[in-house]
Amino acid sequence: MHILCVLLLLTCLVLGRSSPALNKLWEEWKMEHSKVYNNQTELSFRRAVWQKNVHLVLRHNQEAAAGKHRFTLGLNHLADMTAEEINEKLNGLRLEEPVPLRNYTLKEVSGLPMPQSVDWRKEGLVSPVQNQGLCGSCWAFSSMGALEGQMKKKTGVLVPLSPQNLVDCSTADGNSGCRGGFISKAFSYVIRNSGVDSEKFYPYQQKDGKCHYSVKGKAGHCSRFHILPQGDERTLQAAVASVGPVAVAVNAMLPSFHLYRGGLYNASGCNPRLINHAVLLVGYGTDRGQEYWLIKNSWGTAWGEEGFIRLAKNKNNLCGIASFAVYPTL
């Protein structure tokens, strides 16, 4: 968060709950994120939630400035929502129980040299960040991101694929559109359907719709998918280095994740057993001696580092980053 914004927040809090400075910040934030509310009751509720998050952001960033955290928070477009709302509406990942270890052998990545850092964005394997909106379709964005990378490696052309195609059409495979779905069953649909349309042909709508897949818009396909060993960050690193972007699951329940602004996310309370959100792992690296995973989210570019987050690596499977990782093969 910029120093000017921090000073403004400090001023707001010193002056009180209804200070002109705080009101000005509220109005500017609403305008920046195009917020419109249906009635006074909703407006009052959202203002109260937002104001609570103002306190959270300020307190956290003061601690970060003192060296307690490696990341900062900000008032992004989710700042007027409670953590419970975000977890209910945006975090739609479902997991099979028990987690299967099918279609995978360690031979695929073992023995290969691993570079110190990887960023598949630089190789053109990562499409632009999108915003899933108030639809629990993270599983569709995550799986399509992994498939986009494999298609780019084969064809030399990066074509964004259609999460909406999965939202509308993969219900027979066990997914529930905006009410949630499985990364693995997203790939099952693509295999069964012998393809998936491009984003351009089948654009995202942020809501459930009627299936209208057409082979005319087909831009991706796969024949298998591979689920990595649970909790194994070294194997996950090897897969990312040798294969490309990997669909993964994380714990995105904490307000600090929802309001993440930038830096290396190292929230100690991010339980690896409580994974509820699907994202795309696109690389890894090191920042001032701390290793991190580079992750693409589907909450728009107003969230995080232009839609990405750097998550602390080799910290006992922080946020469950290696608890459920999947990639397709063509």
Protein backbone atom coordinates (compact mmCIF):
# COMPACT_ATOMS: atom_id res chain seq x y z
CA MET A 1 0.00 0.00 0.00
CA HIS A 2 1.34 3.45 -0.90
CA ILE A 3 2.58 5.71 1.91
CA LEU A 4 -0.04 8.32 1.02
CA CYS A 5 -2.85 5.80 1.46
CA VAL A 6 -1.42 4.65 4.79
CA LEU A 7 -1.30 8.24 6.01
CA LEU A 8 -4.88 8.77 4.88
CA LEU A 9 -6.02 5.68 6.74
CA LEU A 10 -4.21 6.80 9.87
CA THR A 11 -5.91 10.16 9.59
CA CYS A 12 -9.31 8.50 9.13
CA LEU A 13 -8.91 6.34 12.19
CA VAL A 14 -7.68 9.20 14.35
CA LEU A 15 -10.56 11.44 13.28
CA GLY A 16 -13.18 8.80 13.94
CA ARG A 17 -15.64 6.50 12.23
CA SER A 18 -17.54 9.17 10.28
CA SER A 19 -14.72 11.57 9.54
CA PRO A 20 -14.68 13.44 6.22
CA ALA A 21 -11.39 11.75 5.34
CA LEU A 22 -12.85 8.29 5.84
CA ASN A 23 -15.98 9.24 3.92
CA LYS A 24 -13.82 10.52 1.06
CA LEU A 25 -11.84 7.29 0.99
CA TRP A 26 -15.10 5.31 0.92
CA GLU A 27 -16.45 7.32 -2.01
CA GLU A 28 -13.18 7.00 -3.94
CA TRP A 29 -13.06 3.27 -3.31
CA LYS A 30 -16.65 2.82 -4.54
CA MET A 31 -15.88 4.77 -7.68
CA GLU A 32 -12.64 2.89 -8.36
CA HIS A 33 -14.37 -0.49 -8.16
CA SER A 34 -17.72 0.59 -9.70
CA LYS A 35 -19.71 -0.29 -6.59
CA VAL A 36 -23.45 0.33 -6.66
CA TYR A 37 -25.81 -0.88 -3.93
CA ASN A 38 -29.52 -1.62 -4.18
CA ASN A 39 -30.74 0.23 -1.11
CA GLN A 40 -29.68 2.06 2.03
CA THR A 41 -29.70 -1.12 4.12
CA GLU A 42 -27.22 -2.82 1.81
CA LEU A 43 -25.10 0.32 1.55
CA SER A 44 -24.90 0.62 5.33
CA PHE A 45 -23.95 -3.03 5.72
CA ARG A 46 -21.27 -2.84 3.03
CA ARG A 47 -19.87 0.34 4.51
CA ALA A 48 -19.56 -1.34 7.91
CA VAL A 49 -17.80 -4.38 6.44
CA TRP A 50 -15.49 -2.14 4.42
CA GLN A 51 -14.64 -0.05 7.46
CA LYS A 52 -13.77 -3.16 9.45
CA ASN A 53 -11.42 -4.17 6.64
CA VAL A 54 -9.85 -0.69 6.68
CA HIS A 55 -8.79 -1.37 10.28
CA LEU A 56 -7.51 -4.84 9.32
CA VAL A 57 -5.45 -3.49 6.42
CA LEU A 58 -3.94 -0.68 8.48
CA ARG A 59 -3.07 -2.91 11.43
CA HIS A 60 -1.49 -5.55 9.21
CA ASN A 61 0.53 -3.07 7.16
CA GLN A 62 1.85 -1.44 10.32
CA GLU A 63 3.05 -4.87 11.44
CA ALA A 64 4.53 -5.49 8.00
CA ALA A 65 6.44 -2.21 8.22
CA ALA A 66 7.81 -3.43 11.55
CA GLY A 67 9.03 -6.64 9.91
CA LYS A 68 6.39 -9.04 11.19
CA HIS A 69 5.05 -9.91 7.73
CA ARG A 70 6.57 -10.18 4.25
CA PHE A 71 3.38 -9.05 2.51
CA THR A 72 0.95 -6.14 2.57
CA LEU A 73 -2.83 -5.86 2.31
CA GLY A 74 -5.01 -3.44 0.37
CA LEU A 75 -8.60 -2.30 -0.13
CA ASN A 76 -9.35 -4.25 -3.30
CA HIS A 77 -12.76 -4.95 -4.86
CA LEU A 78 -13.50 -7.59 -2.20
CA ALA A 79 -13.14 -5.18 0.72
CA ASP A 80 -16.90 -4.76 1.20
CA MET A 81 -17.45 -8.50 1.59
CA THR A 82 -17.09 -10.61 4.73
CA ALA A 83 -14.68 -13.52 4.74
CA GLU A 84 -17.66 -15.87 5.01
CA GLU A 85 -19.24 -14.41 1.87
CA ILE A 86 -16.04 -14.70 -0.13
CA ASN A 87 -15.49 -18.28 0.94
CA GLU A 88 -19.07 -19.18 0.06
CA LYS A 89 -19.32 -17.40 -3.30
CA LEU A 90 -15.80 -17.44 -4.76
CA ASN A 91 -14.06 -20.48 -3.33
CA GLY A 92 -15.86 -23.27 -5.15
CA LEU A 93 -13.25 -26.01 -5.18
CA ARG A 94 -14.46 -29.51 -4.39
CA LEU A 95 -12.17 -32.42 -3.58
CA GLU A 96 -12.60 -36.12 -4.03
CA GLU A 97 -12.25 -38.17 -0.86
CA PRO A 98 -9.85 -39.77 -0.49
CA VAL A 99 -7.55 -37.87 -2.84
CA PRO A 100 -6.65 -40.34 -5.60
CA LEU A 101 -3.08 -40.74 -6.84
CA ARG A 102 -4.00 -42.04 -10.26
CA ASN A 103 -2.34 -41.64 -13.63
CA TYR A 104 0.95 -40.54 -12.08
CA THR A 105 4.42 -42.00 -11.71
CA LEU A 106 7.46 -40.39 -10.17
CA LYS A 107 9.45 -41.35 -13.27
CA GLU A 108 7.84 -38.47 -15.13
CA VAL A 109 9.78 -35.85 -13.21
CA SER A 110 12.42 -37.69 -11.18
CA GLY A 111 16.06 -37.24 -12.08
CA LEU A 112 15.49 -34.06 -14.07
CA PRO A 113 17.57 -30.97 -13.26
CA MET A 114 15.50 -28.26 -11.63
CA PRO A 115 16.26 -24.61 -12.33
CA GLN A 116 16.46 -22.23 -9.37
CA SER A 117 13.53 -20.21 -10.69
CA VAL A 118 10.71 -20.67 -13.20
CA ASP A 119 8.19 -18.18 -14.57
CA TRP A 120 6.07 -19.62 -17.37
CA ARG A 121 4.65 -16.18 -18.10
CA LYS A 122 7.98 -15.33 -19.72
CA GLU A 123 7.61 -18.31 -22.06
CA GLY A 124 4.11 -17.28 -23.10
CA LEU A 125 2.32 -20.21 -21.42
CA VAL A 126 0.06 -18.08 -19.21
CA SER A 127 -3.03 -16.23 -20.48
CA PRO A 128 -4.23 -12.88 -19.04
CA VAL A 129 -5.81 -12.84 -15.59
CA GLN A 130 -9.61 -12.92 -15.54
CA ASN A 131 -12.16 -12.21 -12.82
CA GLN A 132 -14.50 -15.08 -11.96
CA GLY A 133 -16.91 -12.67 -10.24
CA LEU A 134 -19.40 -13.94 -7.67
CA CYS A 135 -19.34 -17.42 -9.17
CA GLY A 136 -17.57 -20.40 -7.58
CA SER A 137 -15.83 -21.32 -10.85
CA CYS A 138 -12.22 -21.24 -9.66
CA TRP A 139 -11.91 -24.93 -10.55
CA ALA A 140 -12.69 -24.13 -14.20
CA PHE A 141 -10.12 -21.32 -14.42
CA SER A 142 -7.44 -23.41 -12.74
CA SER A 143 -7.89 -26.44 -14.98
CA MET A 144 -8.14 -24.40 -18.19
CA GLY A 145 -4.99 -22.52 -17.25
CA ALA A 146 -3.04 -25.76 -16.99
CA LEU A 147 -4.42 -26.97 -20.32
CA GLU A 148 -3.63 -23.65 -22.02
CA GLY A 149 0.02 -24.11 -21.13
CA GLN A 150 0.17 -27.61 -22.60
CA MET A 151 -1.59 -26.49 -25.78
CA LYS A 152 0.90 -23.62 -26.15
CA LYS A 153 3.83 -26.03 -25.77
CA LYS A 154 2.43 -28.21 -28.54
CA THR A 155 1.15 -25.63 -31.01
CA GLY A 156 3.32 -22.62 -30.26
CA VAL A 157 0.21 -20.46 -29.88
CA LEU A 158 -1.39 -19.41 -26.59
CA VAL A 159 -5.19 -19.52 -26.90
CA PRO A 160 -7.24 -18.71 -23.77
CA LEU A 161 -9.71 -21.54 -23.16
CA SER A 162 -13.29 -21.26 -21.93
CA PRO A 163 -14.06 -21.70 -18.21
CA GLN A 164 -17.70 -20.98 -19.10
CA ASN A 165 -17.73 -24.06 -21.32
CA LEU A 166 -16.92 -26.11 -18.21
CA VAL A 167 -19.35 -24.22 -15.97
CA ASP A 168 -22.23 -24.88 -18.37
CA CYS A 169 -21.40 -28.30 -19.77
CA SER A 170 -19.55 -30.48 -17.23
CA THR A 171 -22.43 -31.13 -14.82
CA ALA A 172 -22.72 -34.72 -16.04
CA ASP A 173 -19.13 -35.22 -14.87
CA GLY A 174 -19.98 -34.15 -11.32
CA ASN A 175 -19.38 -30.40 -11.41
CA SER A 176 -21.96 -27.83 -10.31
CA GLY A 177 -21.05 -24.70 -12.24
CA CYS A 178 -20.99 -21.60 -10.05
CA ARG A 179 -21.79 -23.74 -7.03
CA GLY A 180 -18.41 -25.44 -7.29
CA GLY A 181 -16.54 -28.20 -9.04
CA PHE A 182 -13.53 -30.51 -9.25
CA ILE A 183 -10.29 -29.84 -11.12
CA SER A 184 -10.04 -33.53 -11.96
CA LYS A 185 -13.61 -33.70 -13.27
CA ALA A 186 -13.00 -30.62 -15.42
CA PHE A 187 -10.35 -32.63 -17.24
CA SER A 188 -12.67 -35.65 -17.31
CA TYR A 189 -15.18 -33.53 -19.22
CA VAL A 190 -12.58 -32.36 -21.75
CA ILE A 191 -11.51 -35.97 -22.34
CA ARG A 192 -15.09 -37.24 -22.65
CA ASN A 193 -16.10 -34.33 -24.86
CA SER A 194 -12.96 -34.64 -27.02
CA GLY A 195 -12.27 -30.95 -26.55
CA VAL A 196 -13.14 -27.57 -25.08
CA ASP A 197 -13.92 -24.25 -26.76
CA SER A 198 -11.83 -21.09 -26.73
CA GLU A 199 -12.67 -18.16 -24.45
CA LYS A 200 -13.28 -16.00 -27.52
CA PHE A 201 -15.83 -18.45 -28.95
CA TYR A 202 -17.48 -19.23 -25.58
CA PRO A 203 -16.93 -16.13 -23.37
CA TYR A 204 -17.16 -16.07 -19.61
CA GLN A 205 -20.45 -14.78 -18.11
CA GLN A 206 -19.84 -14.98 -14.32
CA LYS A 207 -22.99 -17.11 -13.97
CA ASP A 208 -24.42 -20.51 -14.88
CA GLY A 209 -25.74 -20.88 -18.42
CA LYS A 210 -27.06 -23.39 -20.90
CA CYS A 211 -24.43 -25.57 -22.56
CA HIS A 212 -23.69 -24.52 -26.12
CA TYR A 213 -20.35 -26.17 -26.82
CA SER A 214 -19.53 -26.35 -30.51
CA VAL A 215 -16.69 -28.16 -32.24
CA LYS A 216 -16.35 -25.00 -34.36
CA GLY A 217 -14.88 -23.25 -31.34
CA LYS A 218 -12.70 -26.14 -30.16
CA ALA A 219 -9.27 -24.89 -29.09
CA GLY A 220 -8.06 -27.41 -26.52
CA HIS A 221 -8.03 -31.12 -25.78
CA CYS A 222 -6.30 -33.65 -23.54
CA SER A 223 -6.11 -37.42 -23.22
CA ARG A 224 -5.10 -37.86 -19.56
CA PHE A 225 -4.54 -35.95 -16.34
CA HIS A 226 -2.06 -36.60 -13.58
CA ILE A 227 -2.55 -36.06 -9.84
CA LEU A 228 0.68 -35.51 -7.93
CA PRO A 229 1.54 -37.08 -4.55
CA GLN A 230 -0.17 -35.23 -1.74
CA GLY A 231 1.89 -32.71 0.21
CA ASP A 232 5.14 -33.23 -1.74
CA GLU A 233 6.52 -29.78 -2.58
CA ARG A 234 9.69 -31.14 -4.19
CA THR A 235 7.74 -33.26 -6.67
CA LEU A 236 5.45 -30.30 -7.31
CA GLN A 237 8.50 -28.16 -8.08
CA ALA A 238 9.82 -30.80 -10.46
CA ALA A 239 6.47 -30.97 -12.23
CA VAL A 240 6.24 -27.20 -12.63
CA ALA A 241 9.80 -27.02 -13.94
CA SER A 242 9.46 -29.84 -16.45
CA VAL A 243 5.77 -29.82 -17.44
CA GLY A 244 4.53 -26.23 -17.19
CA PRO A 245 1.71 -24.55 -15.24
CA VAL A 246 -0.05 -26.90 -12.81
CA ALA A 247 -3.58 -26.65 -11.42
CA VAL A 248 -3.40 -26.59 -7.61
CA ALA A 249 -5.63 -26.14 -4.57
CA VAL A 250 -5.01 -23.75 -1.68
CA ASN A 251 -6.52 -22.55 1.56
CA ALA A 252 -8.00 -19.16 0.59
CA MET A 253 -10.15 -18.77 3.72
CA LEU A 254 -8.22 -16.05 5.52
CA PRO A 255 -9.01 -12.33 5.22
CA SER A 256 -5.29 -11.77 4.65
CA PHE A 257 -5.57 -13.84 1.46
CA HIS A 258 -8.72 -12.03 0.35
CA LEU A 259 -7.11 -8.59 0.79
CA TYR A 260 -3.59 -9.57 -0.31
CA ARG A 261 -1.88 -6.64 -2.04
CA GLY A 262 1.69 -7.76 -2.64
CA GLY A 263 4.85 -9.34 -1.27
CA LEU A 264 5.61 -12.86 -0.15
CA TYR A 265 2.53 -14.39 1.50
CA ASN A 266 3.63 -16.20 4.65
CA ALA A 267 0.56 -16.18 6.90
CA SER A 268 1.40 -18.66 9.65
CA GLY A 269 -2.26 -19.56 10.25
CA CYS A 270 -2.87 -20.80 6.70
CA ASN A 271 -3.80 -24.41 7.48
CA PRO A 272 -2.76 -26.84 4.68
CA ARG A 273 -5.68 -29.15 5.50
CA LEU A 274 -8.38 -26.56 4.77
CA ILE A 275 -8.04 -26.14 1.02
CA ASN A 276 -11.05 -24.61 -0.72
CA HIS A 277 -9.84 -22.65 -3.76
CA ALA A 278 -8.32 -23.64 -7.11
CA VAL A 279 -5.55 -21.57 -8.67
CA LEU A 280 -2.80 -21.99 -11.26
CA LEU A 281 0.83 -22.53 -10.24
CA VAL A 282 2.97 -20.87 -12.93
CA GLY A 283 6.44 -20.87 -11.39
CA TYR A 284 8.66 -20.38 -8.37
CA GLY A 285 11.63 -18.31 -7.24
CA THR A 286 13.42 -16.68 -4.30
CA ASP A 287 12.95 -13.27 -2.70
CA ARG A 288 15.52 -12.07 -0.15
CA GLY A 289 16.42 -15.62 0.81
CA GLN A 290 12.86 -16.96 1.05
CA GLU A 291 11.62 -19.33 -1.63
CA TYR A 292 8.14 -18.76 -3.04
CA TRP A 293 5.56 -20.22 -5.39
CA LEU A 294 4.23 -17.96 -8.15
CA ILE A 295 0.45 -18.34 -8.45
CA LYS A 296 -2.15 -16.97 -10.85
CA ASN A 297 -5.55 -16.32 -9.29
CA SER A 298 -8.92 -15.67 -10.98
CA TRP A 299 -10.02 -12.65 -8.93
CA GLY A 300 -9.03 -10.00 -11.46
CA THR A 301 -5.97 -7.76 -11.72
CA ALA A 302 -7.16 -5.50 -8.87
CA TRP A 303 -6.28 -8.34 -6.49
CA GLY A 304 -2.71 -9.04 -5.45
CA GLU A 305 0.23 -8.38 -7.76
CA GLU A 306 -1.81 -7.76 -10.91
CA GLY A 307 -3.78 -10.94 -10.19
CA PHE A 308 -0.84 -13.03 -8.92
CA ILE A 309 0.41 -14.00 -5.47
CA ARG A 310 3.79 -15.19 -4.24
CA LEU A 311 3.28 -17.87 -1.58
CA ALA A 312 6.06 -19.00 0.77
CA LYS A 313 7.60 -22.26 -0.51
CA ASN A 314 8.91 -25.20 1.51
CA LYS A 315 7.13 -23.98 4.64
CA ASN A 316 5.45 -27.26 5.56
CA ASN A 317 3.02 -27.14 2.64
CA LEU A 318 1.79 -23.65 3.55
CA CYS A 319 -1.89 -23.15 2.61
CA GLY A 320 -1.92 -26.70 1.21
CA ILE A 321 -0.14 -25.68 -2.00
CA ALA A 322 0.96 -29.27 -2.65
CA SER A 323 -2.11 -31.01 -1.23
CA PHE A 324 -3.87 -31.43 -4.57
CA ALA A 325 -1.98 -30.70 -7.78
CA VAL A 326 -3.07 -31.79 -11.27
CA TYR A 327 -1.81 -31.32 -14.81
CA PRO A 328 -3.12 -32.65 -18.14
CA THR A 329 -1.27 -34.30 -20.98
CA LEU A 330 -2.37 -34.12 -24.59
